[in-house]
Amino acid sequence: MLSALRAHSKGDPNKLVGGYMSHGRRFREFLFGDSSAIGIAVEPMKYITKKKGSVQVSQPTVDEVGKYLKRWNALENYHLQEDALDKLFFSLCPNNTDISDILIKVSTLNDFYSTNIFSVYPVAKHILSMDVDARLKAGDVTLISDIQKVTINGVEKNFYSFATKYCSHHNPLEFPIYDSYVEKVLKYFRDKDGFSVFTNVDLKDYIRFKGVLIDFRKFYNLEQYNLKEIDKYIWQLGKEYFPNNYGKSK
């Protein structure tokens, strides 16, 4: 800056620097809405003062859901993974009376969804002990809380998201999946539109979580879609607008 002043200005450049810096600060304060610094009332330039990280998610509509469902089907890795899981859960290993079948399903879900289960055998053994098939078929949502808590090496683990995935892949219409992306979208629209009354902690209670999803579907007039379709839509919104800084969440 000093070299530029020497070349293009008269007078001592060292004295001129202070004046130019002062004008620069005053101009910046004008741009960012600090009118007290220049002694006049000004409107801040809103496109400059927009908060970093602010998000504007498109309003849920029938057309928006349809658009995201088409997008899901166009993403080969997503729908082929789901097709493989459907084959495993519905055709190859539909029941939960054999530890080997349960181990295959737990291991596959853990790998596909990165559910961070480091020892799958205790989880599979836990599921086997509960005789879950009739409850899965009936859509018994209390089953989630029974599956999610597993004691491994004397420590109780809480595999809530995994439990929703395990049940959902047996009965997708009755067991929507909880996931961090879904949670973020539900909280966003709660704060924006007040579509349902719930606390953040409520979403970790599966009965409340499912009720919130039903509220979401009703509030935005999306009843033509089942809960599995709503889940696919919300999950994609979360992944698009609220991405995690680490691996795959679901």
C-alpha atoms as a PDB file:
ATOM      1  CA  MET A   1       0.000   0.000   0.000  1.00  0.00           C
ATOM      2  CA  LEU A   2       2.824   2.394   0.836  1.00  0.00           C
ATOM      3  CA  SER A   3       4.441   1.866  -2.578  1.00  0.00           C
ATOM      4  CA  ALA A   4       1.148   2.700  -4.309  1.00  0.00           C
ATOM      5  CA  LEU A   5       0.782   5.892  -2.271  1.00  0.00           C
ATOM      6  CA  ARG A   6       4.343   6.977  -3.094  1.00  0.00           C
ATOM      7  CA  ALA A   7       3.671   6.536  -6.804  1.00  0.00           C
ATOM      8  CA  HIS A   8       0.259   8.193  -7.034  1.00  0.00           C
ATOM      9  CA  SER A   9      -0.116  10.623  -4.098  1.00  0.00           C
ATOM     10  CA  LYS A  10       1.432  13.862  -2.929  1.00  0.00           C
ATOM     11  CA  GLY A  11       2.678  14.261   0.622  1.00  0.00           C
ATOM     12  CA  ASP A  12       4.066  11.847   3.168  1.00  0.00           C
ATOM     13  CA  PRO A  13       2.637   8.365   2.434  1.00  0.00           C
ATOM     14  CA  ASN A  14       3.124   7.271   6.040  1.00  0.00           C
ATOM     15  CA  LYS A  15       0.668   9.983   7.158  1.00  0.00           C
ATOM     16  CA  LEU A  16      -1.775   9.213   4.359  1.00  0.00           C
ATOM     17  CA  VAL A  17      -2.098   5.544   5.311  1.00  0.00           C
ATOM     18  CA  GLY A  18      -4.067   6.323   8.450  1.00  0.00           C
ATOM     19  CA  GLY A  19      -6.624   8.362   6.535  1.00  0.00           C
ATOM     20  CA  TYR A  20      -7.144   5.742   3.873  1.00  0.00           C
ATOM     21  CA  MET A  21      -7.485   2.991   6.486  1.00  0.00           C
ATOM     22  CA  SER A  22     -10.048   5.100   8.365  1.00  0.00           C
ATOM     23  CA  HIS A  23     -12.129   5.573   5.212  1.00  0.00           C
ATOM     24  CA  GLY A  24     -11.874   1.868   4.492  1.00  0.00           C
ATOM     25  CA  ARG A  25     -13.176   0.975   7.956  1.00  0.00           C
ATOM     26  CA  ARG A  26     -16.038   3.463   7.620  1.00  0.00           C
ATOM     27  CA  PHE A  27     -17.019   2.009   4.238  1.00  0.00           C
ATOM     28  CA  ARG A  28     -17.002  -1.504   5.660  1.00  0.00           C
ATOM     29  CA  GLU A  29     -19.151  -0.382   8.592  1.00  0.00           C
ATOM     30  CA  PHE A  30     -21.590   1.177   6.108  1.00  0.00           C
ATOM     31  CA  LEU A  31     -21.851  -2.085   4.176  1.00  0.00           C
ATOM     32  CA  PHE A  32     -22.504  -4.111   7.313  1.00  0.00           C
ATOM     33  CA  GLY A  33     -25.051  -1.715   8.772  1.00  0.00           C
ATOM     34  CA  ASP A  34     -23.152  -0.016  11.595  1.00  0.00           C
ATOM     35  CA  SER A  35     -24.654   3.457  11.053  1.00  0.00           C
ATOM     36  CA  SER A  36     -23.287   4.837  14.333  1.00  0.00           C
ATOM     37  CA  ALA A  37     -19.799   4.883  12.833  1.00  0.00           C
ATOM     38  CA  ILE A  38     -20.755   7.355  10.082  1.00  0.00           C
ATOM     39  CA  GLY A  39     -23.403   9.359  11.893  1.00  0.00           C
ATOM     40  CA  ILE A  40     -26.347   8.604   9.570  1.00  0.00           C
ATOM     41  CA  ALA A  41     -29.111   6.029   9.509  1.00  0.00           C
ATOM     42  CA  VAL A  42     -28.607   3.468   6.750  1.00  0.00           C
ATOM     43  CA  GLU A  43     -30.180   0.166   5.775  1.00  0.00           C
ATOM     44  CA  PRO A  44     -27.650  -2.663   5.810  1.00  0.00           C
ATOM     45  CA  MET A  45     -27.141  -4.488   2.524  1.00  0.00           C
ATOM     46  CA  LYS A  46     -29.058  -7.670   3.261  1.00  0.00           C
ATOM     47  CA  TYR A  47     -27.377  -9.875   0.721  1.00  0.00           C
ATOM     48  CA  ILE A  48     -24.077  -9.110   2.432  1.00  0.00           C
ATOM     49  CA  THR A  49     -25.320  -9.540   5.979  1.00  0.00           C
ATOM     50  CA  LYS A  50     -26.951 -12.922   5.339  1.00  0.00           C
ATOM     51  CA  LYS A  51     -25.882 -15.242   8.115  1.00  0.00           C
ATOM     52  CA  LYS A  52     -23.325 -17.808   7.198  1.00  0.00           C
ATOM     53  CA  GLY A  53     -24.846 -21.287   7.077  1.00  0.00           C
ATOM     54  CA  SER A  54     -28.458 -20.097   6.857  1.00  0.00           C
ATOM     55  CA  VAL A  55     -30.705 -22.583   5.065  1.00  0.00           C
ATOM     56  CA  GLN A  56     -33.877 -22.146   3.041  1.00  0.00           C
ATOM     57  CA  VAL A  57     -35.462 -25.537   2.371  1.00  0.00           C
ATOM     58  CA  SER A  58     -38.205 -25.792  -0.236  1.00  0.00           C
ATOM     59  CA  GLN A  59     -41.713 -26.092   1.223  1.00  0.00           C
ATOM     60  CA  PRO A  60     -43.024 -29.675   1.337  1.00  0.00           C
ATOM     61  CA  THR A  61     -45.643 -30.265  -1.354  1.00  0.00           C
ATOM     62  CA  VAL A  62     -46.972 -33.248  -3.263  1.00  0.00           C
ATOM     63  CA  ASP A  63     -44.883 -32.223  -6.260  1.00  0.00           C
ATOM     64  CA  GLU A  64     -41.740 -31.747  -4.169  1.00  0.00           C
ATOM     65  CA  VAL A  65     -42.059 -35.219  -2.670  1.00  0.00           C
ATOM     66  CA  GLY A  66     -42.642 -36.683  -6.135  1.00  0.00           C
ATOM     67  CA  LYS A  67     -39.539 -34.914  -7.426  1.00  0.00           C
ATOM     68  CA  TYR A  68     -37.348 -36.339  -4.673  1.00  0.00           C
ATOM     69  CA  LEU A  69     -38.772 -39.851  -5.069  1.00  0.00           C
ATOM     70  CA  LYS A  70     -37.882 -39.751  -8.775  1.00  0.00           C
ATOM     71  CA  ARG A  71     -34.436 -38.552  -7.805  1.00  0.00           C
ATOM     72  CA  TRP A  72     -34.093 -41.483  -5.384  1.00  0.00           C
ATOM     73  CA  ASN A  73     -34.975 -43.968  -8.123  1.00  0.00           C
ATOM     74  CA  ALA A  74     -32.448 -42.355 -10.440  1.00  0.00           C
ATOM     75  CA  LEU A  75     -29.632 -42.825  -7.904  1.00  0.00           C
ATOM     76  CA  GLU A  76     -28.450 -46.312  -8.741  1.00  0.00           C
ATOM     77  CA  ASN A  77     -26.469 -46.920  -5.567  1.00  0.00           C
ATOM     78  CA  TYR A  78     -29.448 -46.066  -3.334  1.00  0.00           C
ATOM     79  CA  HIS A  79     -32.214 -48.047  -4.950  1.00  0.00           C
ATOM     80  CA  LEU A  80     -29.997 -51.055  -5.766  1.00  0.00           C
ATOM     81  CA  GLN A  81     -28.872 -51.166  -2.146  1.00  0.00           C
ATOM     82  CA  GLU A  82     -32.522 -51.090  -1.071  1.00  0.00           C
ATOM     83  CA  ASP A  83     -33.353 -53.824  -3.591  1.00  0.00           C
ATOM     84  CA  ALA A  84     -30.590 -56.000  -2.143  1.00  0.00           C
ATOM     85  CA  LEU A  85     -31.845 -55.444   1.397  1.00  0.00           C
ATOM     86  CA  ASP A  86     -35.409 -56.233   0.343  1.00  0.00           C
ATOM     87  CA  LYS A  87     -34.206 -59.524  -1.144  1.00  0.00           C
ATOM     88  CA  LEU A  88     -32.334 -60.353   2.049  1.00  0.00           C
ATOM     89  CA  PHE A  89     -35.129 -59.408   4.476  1.00  0.00           C
ATOM     90  CA  PHE A  90     -38.180 -60.506   2.479  1.00  0.00           C
ATOM     91  CA  SER A  91     -36.929 -63.537   0.529  1.00  0.00           C
ATOM     92  CA  LEU A  92     -33.713 -65.028   1.880  1.00  0.00           C
ATOM     93  CA  CYS A  93     -34.028 -64.418   5.631  1.00  0.00           C
ATOM     94  CA  PRO A  94     -37.546 -63.188   6.426  1.00  0.00           C
ATOM     95  CA  ASN A  95     -37.718 -64.664   9.929  1.00  0.00           C
ATOM     96  CA  ASN A  96     -35.763 -64.159  13.132  1.00  0.00           C
ATOM     97  CA  THR A  97     -35.645 -67.648  14.588  1.00  0.00           C
ATOM     98  CA  ASP A  98     -32.152 -68.603  13.402  1.00  0.00           C
ATOM     99  CA  ILE A  99     -29.075 -66.817  14.736  1.00  0.00           C
ATOM    100  CA  SER A 100     -27.286 -67.170  11.380  1.00  0.00           C
ATOM    101  CA  ASP A 101     -30.096 -65.364   9.540  1.00  0.00           C
ATOM    102  CA  ILE A 102     -30.119 -62.569  12.093  1.00  0.00           C
ATOM    103  CA  LEU A 103     -26.330 -62.234  11.979  1.00  0.00           C
ATOM    104  CA  ILE A 104     -26.400 -61.799   8.203  1.00  0.00           C
ATOM    105  CA  LYS A 105     -29.075 -59.092   8.453  1.00  0.00           C
ATOM    106  CA  VAL A 106     -27.413 -57.220  11.317  1.00  0.00           C
ATOM    107  CA  SER A 107     -24.013 -57.345   9.598  1.00  0.00           C
ATOM    108  CA  THR A 108     -25.414 -56.158   6.263  1.00  0.00           C
ATOM    109  CA  LEU A 109     -27.311 -53.241   7.785  1.00  0.00           C
ATOM    110  CA  ASN A 110     -24.287 -52.285   9.842  1.00  0.00           C
ATOM    111  CA  ASP A 111     -22.130 -52.253   6.719  1.00  0.00           C
ATOM    112  CA  PHE A 112     -24.587 -50.517   4.368  1.00  0.00           C
ATOM    113  CA  TYR A 113     -25.671 -47.877   6.862  1.00  0.00           C
ATOM    114  CA  SER A 114     -22.499 -47.477   8.955  1.00  0.00           C
ATOM    115  CA  THR A 115     -24.432 -47.923  12.210  1.00  0.00           C
ATOM    116  CA  ASN A 116     -21.211 -48.295  14.244  1.00  0.00           C
ATOM    117  CA  ILE A 117     -21.951 -51.659  15.805  1.00  0.00           C
ATOM    118  CA  PHE A 118     -18.495 -53.038  16.545  1.00  0.00           C
ATOM    119  CA  SER A 119     -19.670 -56.433  17.775  1.00  0.00           C
ATOM    120  CA  VAL A 120     -22.672 -57.755  15.845  1.00  0.00           C
ATOM    121  CA  TYR A 121     -23.059 -61.122  17.565  1.00  0.00           C
ATOM    122  CA  PRO A 122     -24.439 -59.756  20.887  1.00  0.00           C
ATOM    123  CA  VAL A 123     -26.942 -57.682  18.908  1.00  0.00           C
ATOM    124  CA  ALA A 124     -28.069 -60.690  16.868  1.00  0.00           C
ATOM    125  CA  LYS A 125     -28.335 -62.829  20.008  1.00  0.00           C
ATOM    126  CA  HIS A 126     -30.365 -60.100  21.704  1.00  0.00           C
ATOM    127  CA  ILE A 127     -32.836 -59.988  18.795  1.00  0.00           C
ATOM    128  CA  LEU A 128     -33.125 -63.782  18.754  1.00  0.00           C
ATOM    129  CA  SER A 129     -34.001 -63.831  22.453  1.00  0.00           C
ATOM    130  CA  MET A 130     -37.085 -61.638  21.977  1.00  0.00           C
ATOM    131  CA  ASP A 131     -39.075 -63.682  19.441  1.00  0.00           C
ATOM    132  CA  VAL A 132     -39.756 -60.573  17.349  1.00  0.00           C
ATOM    133  CA  ASP A 133     -41.504 -61.883  14.231  1.00  0.00           C
ATOM    134  CA  ALA A 134     -45.122 -61.496  15.375  1.00  0.00           C
ATOM    135  CA  ARG A 135     -44.416 -57.995  16.697  1.00  0.00           C
ATOM    136  CA  LEU A 136     -42.702 -56.976  13.465  1.00  0.00           C
ATOM    137  CA  LYS A 137     -45.645 -58.162  11.408  1.00  0.00           C
ATOM    138  CA  ALA A 138     -48.095 -56.336  13.681  1.00  0.00           C
ATOM    139  CA  GLY A 139     -46.130 -53.071  13.496  1.00  0.00           C
ATOM    140  CA  ASP A 140     -45.611 -52.995  17.264  1.00  0.00           C
ATOM    141  CA  VAL A 141     -43.649 -49.752  17.693  1.00  0.00           C
ATOM    142  CA  THR A 142     -42.671 -50.647  21.272  1.00  0.00           C
ATOM    143  CA  LEU A 143     -40.331 -53.227  19.740  1.00  0.00           C
ATOM    144  CA  ILE A 144     -37.843 -50.475  18.899  1.00  0.00           C
ATOM    145  CA  SER A 145     -37.101 -49.685  22.534  1.00  0.00           C
ATOM    146  CA  ASP A 146     -36.661 -53.400  23.252  1.00  0.00           C
ATOM    147  CA  ILE A 147     -34.172 -53.920  20.421  1.00  0.00           C
ATOM    148  CA  GLN A 148     -32.174 -50.712  20.742  1.00  0.00           C
ATOM    149  CA  LYS A 149     -30.576 -51.336  24.137  1.00  0.00           C
ATOM    150  CA  VAL A 150     -27.977 -54.120  24.121  1.00  0.00           C
ATOM    151  CA  THR A 151     -25.440 -54.969  26.805  1.00  0.00           C
ATOM    152  CA  ILE A 152     -21.979 -55.671  25.350  1.00  0.00           C
ATOM    153  CA  ASN A 153     -19.095 -56.550  27.682  1.00  0.00           C
ATOM    154  CA  GLY A 154     -21.055 -55.250  30.650  1.00  0.00           C
ATOM    155  CA  VAL A 155     -21.842 -51.887  29.007  1.00  0.00           C
ATOM    156  CA  GLU A 156     -25.338 -50.975  27.828  1.00  0.00           C
ATOM    157  CA  LYS A 157     -25.316 -49.659  24.257  1.00  0.00           C
ATOM    158  CA  ASN A 158     -28.124 -47.694  22.649  1.00  0.00           C
ATOM    159  CA  PHE A 159     -28.545 -48.597  18.969  1.00  0.00           C
ATOM    160  CA  TYR A 160     -31.688 -46.560  18.374  1.00  0.00           C
ATOM    161  CA  SER A 161     -31.163 -45.724  14.712  1.00  0.00           C
ATOM    162  CA  PHE A 162     -30.109 -49.294  13.943  1.00  0.00           C
ATOM    163  CA  ALA A 163     -33.222 -50.680  15.667  1.00  0.00           C
ATOM    164  CA  THR A 164     -35.471 -48.516  13.473  1.00  0.00           C
ATOM    165  CA  LYS A 165     -33.630 -49.711  10.358  1.00  0.00           C
ATOM    166  CA  TYR A 166     -33.842 -53.365  11.372  1.00  0.00           C
ATOM    167  CA  CYS A 167     -37.582 -53.177  11.976  1.00  0.00           C
ATOM    168  CA  SER A 168     -38.219 -51.008   8.928  1.00  0.00           C
ATOM    169  CA  HIS A 169     -36.624 -53.510   6.588  1.00  0.00           C
ATOM    170  CA  HIS A 170     -39.050 -56.137   7.846  1.00  0.00           C
ATOM    171  CA  ASN A 171     -42.115 -53.863   7.733  1.00  0.00           C
ATOM    172  CA  PRO A 172     -41.320 -50.548   5.986  1.00  0.00           C
ATOM    173  CA  LEU A 173     -44.870 -49.179   6.028  1.00  0.00           C
ATOM    174  CA  GLU A 174     -45.161 -49.365   9.822  1.00  0.00           C
ATOM    175  CA  PHE A 175     -41.596 -48.636  10.944  1.00  0.00           C
ATOM    176  CA  PRO A 176     -40.190 -45.365   9.528  1.00  0.00           C
ATOM    177  CA  ILE A 177     -36.453 -44.955   9.962  1.00  0.00           C
ATOM    178  CA  TYR A 178     -34.921 -42.520  12.439  1.00  0.00           C
ATOM    179  CA  ASP A 179     -31.719 -40.907  11.216  1.00  0.00           C
ATOM    180  CA  SER A 180     -29.756 -37.737  11.936  1.00  0.00           C
ATOM    181  CA  TYR A 181     -30.712 -36.256   8.550  1.00  0.00           C
ATOM    182  CA  VAL A 182     -34.404 -36.886   9.209  1.00  0.00           C
ATOM    183  CA  GLU A 183     -34.100 -35.354  12.666  1.00  0.00           C
ATOM    184  CA  LYS A 184     -32.575 -32.150  11.296  1.00  0.00           C
ATOM    185  CA  VAL A 185     -35.318 -31.699   8.702  1.00  0.00           C
ATOM    186  CA  LEU A 186     -38.109 -32.281  11.225  1.00  0.00           C
ATOM    187  CA  LYS A 187     -36.596 -29.731  13.610  1.00  0.00           C
ATOM    188  CA  TYR A 188     -36.183 -27.242  10.786  1.00  0.00           C
ATOM    189  CA  PHE A 189     -39.846 -27.372   9.736  1.00  0.00           C
ATOM    190  CA  ARG A 190     -41.010 -27.430  13.358  1.00  0.00           C
ATOM    191  CA  ASP A 191     -39.178 -24.153  13.934  1.00  0.00           C
ATOM    192  CA  LYS A 192     -40.264 -22.702  10.590  1.00  0.00           C
ATOM    193  CA  ASP A 193     -43.933 -23.738  10.352  1.00  0.00           C
ATOM    194  CA  GLY A 194     -44.856 -25.280  13.719  1.00  0.00           C
ATOM    195  CA  PHE A 195     -46.272 -28.392  12.034  1.00  0.00           C
ATOM    196  CA  SER A 196     -46.075 -30.325  15.329  1.00  0.00           C
ATOM    197  CA  VAL A 197     -45.195 -29.719  18.976  1.00  0.00           C
ATOM    198  CA  PHE A 198     -42.204 -31.755  20.138  1.00  0.00           C
ATOM    199  CA  THR A 199     -38.836 -31.362  21.796  1.00  0.00           C
ATOM    200  CA  ASN A 200     -35.559 -32.527  20.316  1.00  0.00           C
ATOM    201  CA  VAL A 201     -35.442 -35.335  22.868  1.00  0.00           C
ATOM    202  CA  ASP A 202     -38.904 -36.520  21.787  1.00  0.00           C
ATOM    203  CA  LEU A 203     -37.456 -37.684  18.488  1.00  0.00           C
ATOM    204  CA  LYS A 204     -35.421 -40.296  20.382  1.00  0.00           C
ATOM    205  CA  ASP A 205     -38.710 -41.773  21.648  1.00  0.00           C
ATOM    206  CA  TYR A 206     -39.875 -43.914  18.745  1.00  0.00           C
ATOM    207  CA  ILE A 207     -43.587 -43.626  19.453  1.00  0.00           C
ATOM    208  CA  ARG A 208     -43.274 -39.828  19.468  1.00  0.00           C
ATOM    209  CA  PHE A 209     -40.990 -39.901  16.431  1.00  0.00           C
ATOM    210  CA  LYS A 210     -43.499 -41.838  14.350  1.00  0.00           C
ATOM    211  CA  GLY A 211     -46.270 -39.516  15.529  1.00  0.00           C
ATOM    212  CA  VAL A 212     -44.236 -36.481  14.422  1.00  0.00           C
ATOM    213  CA  LEU A 213     -43.803 -37.979  10.944  1.00  0.00           C
ATOM    214  CA  ILE A 214     -47.557 -38.557  10.730  1.00  0.00           C
ATOM    215  CA  ASP A 215     -48.108 -34.942  11.823  1.00  0.00           C
ATOM    216  CA  PHE A 216     -45.681 -33.822   9.111  1.00  0.00           C
ATOM    217  CA  ARG A 217     -47.518 -35.772   6.432  1.00  0.00           C
ATOM    218  CA  LYS A 218     -50.903 -34.440   7.531  1.00  0.00           C
ATOM    219  CA  PHE A 219     -49.845 -30.804   7.982  1.00  0.00           C
ATOM    220  CA  TYR A 220     -48.407 -30.546   4.478  1.00  0.00           C
ATOM    221  CA  ASN A 221     -51.249 -32.567   2.867  1.00  0.00           C
ATOM    222  CA  LEU A 222     -49.013 -35.423   1.813  1.00  0.00           C
ATOM    223  CA  GLU A 223     -51.361 -38.267   2.785  1.00  0.00           C
ATOM    224  CA  GLN A 224     -51.100 -39.831  -0.659  1.00  0.00           C
ATOM    225  CA  TYR A 225     -47.582 -40.936   0.282  1.00  0.00           C
ATOM    226  CA  ASN A 226     -46.836 -43.749   2.731  1.00  0.00           C
ATOM    227  CA  LEU A 227     -44.335 -43.357   5.563  1.00  0.00           C
ATOM    228  CA  LYS A 228     -41.596 -45.129   3.617  1.00  0.00           C
ATOM    229  CA  GLU A 229     -41.931 -42.583   0.811  1.00  0.00           C
ATOM    230  CA  ILE A 230     -42.000 -39.701   3.291  1.00  0.00           C
ATOM    231  CA  ASP A 231     -38.843 -41.144   4.860  1.00  0.00           C
ATOM    232  CA  LYS A 232     -37.025 -41.229   1.500  1.00  0.00           C
ATOM    233  CA  TYR A 233     -38.061 -37.637   0.806  1.00  0.00           C
ATOM    234  CA  ILE A 234     -37.055 -36.226   4.197  1.00  0.00           C
ATOM    235  CA  TRP A 235     -33.772 -38.120   4.256  1.00  0.00           C
ATOM    236  CA  GLN A 236     -32.747 -36.650   0.904  1.00  0.00           C
ATOM    237  CA  LEU A 237     -33.629 -33.150   2.123  1.00  0.00           C
ATOM    238  CA  GLY A 238     -31.464 -33.674   5.184  1.00  0.00           C
ATOM    239  CA  LYS A 239     -28.541 -34.978   3.183  1.00  0.00           C
ATOM    240  CA  GLU A 240     -28.816 -32.054   0.752  1.00  0.00           C
ATOM    241  CA  TYR A 241     -29.383 -29.168   3.179  1.00  0.00           C
ATOM    242  CA  PHE A 242     -27.861 -30.419   6.457  1.00  0.00           C
ATOM    243  CA  PRO A 243     -24.880 -32.581   5.450  1.00  0.00           C
ATOM    244  CA  ASN A 244     -22.767 -34.225   8.096  1.00  0.00           C
ATOM    245  CA  ASN A 245     -19.031 -33.652   8.165  1.00  0.00           C
ATOM    246  CA  TYR A 246     -18.357 -37.364   8.374  1.00  0.00           C
ATOM    247  CA  GLY A 247     -19.325 -40.496   6.453  1.00  0.00           C
ATOM    248  CA  LYS A 248     -22.704 -41.803   5.498  1.00  0.00           C
ATOM    249  CA  SER A 249     -25.468 -41.314   8.042  1.00  0.00           C
ATOM    250  CA  LYS A 250     -27.971 -43.697   6.613  1.00  0.00           C
END
